[in-house]
Structure formats: C-alpha cells, structure tokens
Amino acid sequence: MQINVNNHKPNDIIKFMRQSTNLTQDEFAKAIGKSKAWQQSNELGRSNYYFKDLLKIAKTFNFDIIIKRKD
C-alpha cells in the first residue's frame, strides 16, 4: 500500500499504518515502545507524533518511507 501524505492528516496515516499490521492499538504501541493512550491520542488527532516515531514504526514493521520533492 502506498500513502500520499499530502492527501491525509497525520492521524489518518498512523491509523492506516496500524491497520495494515492487523494489530490492536495496544499491540502496535507496545511494539514501538509507546502506550495505548499515545496511539489513541495520535489516531484521534489530539496529539502529533514526531518524525522519529514514524521512523521507529517504519523500522519495526518494515515500511518504506519515500521522500519525494515536488517539482
């Protein structure tokens, strides 16, 4: 699955990533060293994760992050 981040909010992206792993919020959060509350808060858009969190998710679940410049 590819996600164009320009078309989605940060909370949608982290939710899509979790759902693609077929894990619960608790299981997903624990796998990256976070709490279920952290995951819930991010999925609901109440808080924003850092790029370092996105990198940890990518490494843990073998996601590719591709950064492309618009021309």
Protein backbone atom coordinates (compact mmCIF):
# COMPACT_ATOMS: atom_id res chain seq x y z
CA MET A 1 0.00 0.00 0.00
CA GLN A 2 1.24 3.49 -0.79
CA ILE A 3 0.00 6.54 1.04
CA ASN A 4 0.43 10.02 -0.38
CA VAL A 5 0.80 12.05 2.81
CA ASN A 6 -0.36 15.22 1.08
CA ASN A 7 -3.83 13.70 0.85
CA HIS A 8 -4.17 12.73 4.52
CA LYS A 9 -3.89 14.09 8.04
CA PRO A 10 -1.12 12.74 10.29
CA ASN A 11 -3.64 10.89 12.47
CA ASP A 12 -5.04 9.08 9.40
CA ILE A 13 -1.57 7.98 8.36
CA ILE A 14 -0.64 6.44 11.69
CA LYS A 15 -4.04 4.71 11.82
CA PHE A 16 -3.58 3.31 8.28
CA MET A 17 -0.15 2.04 9.27
CA ARG A 18 -1.50 0.29 12.35
CA GLN A 19 -4.45 -1.19 10.50
CA SER A 20 -2.15 -2.59 7.81
CA THR A 21 -0.36 -4.59 10.52
CA ASN A 22 -3.65 -6.08 11.78
CA LEU A 23 -2.66 -5.16 15.34
CA THR A 24 -4.72 -3.54 18.04
CA GLN A 25 -3.77 -0.07 19.23
CA ASP A 26 -2.23 -1.63 22.33
CA GLU A 27 -0.20 -4.23 20.41
CA PHE A 28 1.01 -1.67 17.87
CA ALA A 29 2.01 0.84 20.53
CA LYS A 30 3.85 -1.74 22.62
CA ALA A 31 5.82 -2.89 19.58
CA ILE A 32 7.27 0.62 19.22
CA GLY A 33 7.70 1.27 22.95
CA LYS A 34 4.66 3.51 23.36
CA SER A 35 1.43 3.30 25.36
CA LYS A 36 -2.04 2.55 24.08
CA ALA A 37 -3.02 6.07 25.21
CA TRP A 38 -0.28 7.51 22.98
CA GLN A 39 -1.61 5.56 20.00
CA GLN A 40 -5.21 6.52 20.68
CA SER A 41 -4.31 10.18 21.07
CA ASN A 42 -2.46 10.18 17.75
CA GLU A 43 -5.18 8.32 15.87
CA LEU A 44 -7.80 10.74 17.16
CA GLY A 45 -5.67 13.75 16.18
CA ARG A 46 -5.37 15.01 19.76
CA SER A 47 -1.60 14.94 19.56
CA ASN A 48 1.01 14.62 16.84
CA TYR A 49 3.80 12.11 16.64
CA TYR A 50 7.36 13.07 15.77
CA PHE A 51 9.30 12.03 12.69
CA LYS A 52 11.47 9.86 14.94
CA ASP A 53 8.29 7.95 15.89
CA LEU A 54 7.47 7.45 12.21
CA LEU A 55 10.99 6.13 11.63
CA LYS A 56 10.61 3.71 14.55
CA ILE A 57 7.30 2.46 13.12
CA ALA A 58 8.89 2.02 9.68
CA LYS A 59 11.83 0.09 11.09
CA THR A 60 9.71 -2.09 13.37
CA PHE A 61 7.11 -3.03 10.76
CA ASN A 62 9.30 -2.92 7.64
CA PHE A 63 7.61 0.07 6.00
CA ASP A 64 9.43 2.19 3.43
CA ILE A 65 9.40 5.95 3.82
CA ILE A 66 9.98 7.65 0.50
CA ILE A 67 10.58 11.39 0.48
CA LYS A 68 9.94 12.97 -2.86
CA ARG A 69 10.31 16.60 -3.79
CA LYS A 70 7.55 18.21 -5.77
CA ASP A 71 8.71 19.97 -8.89
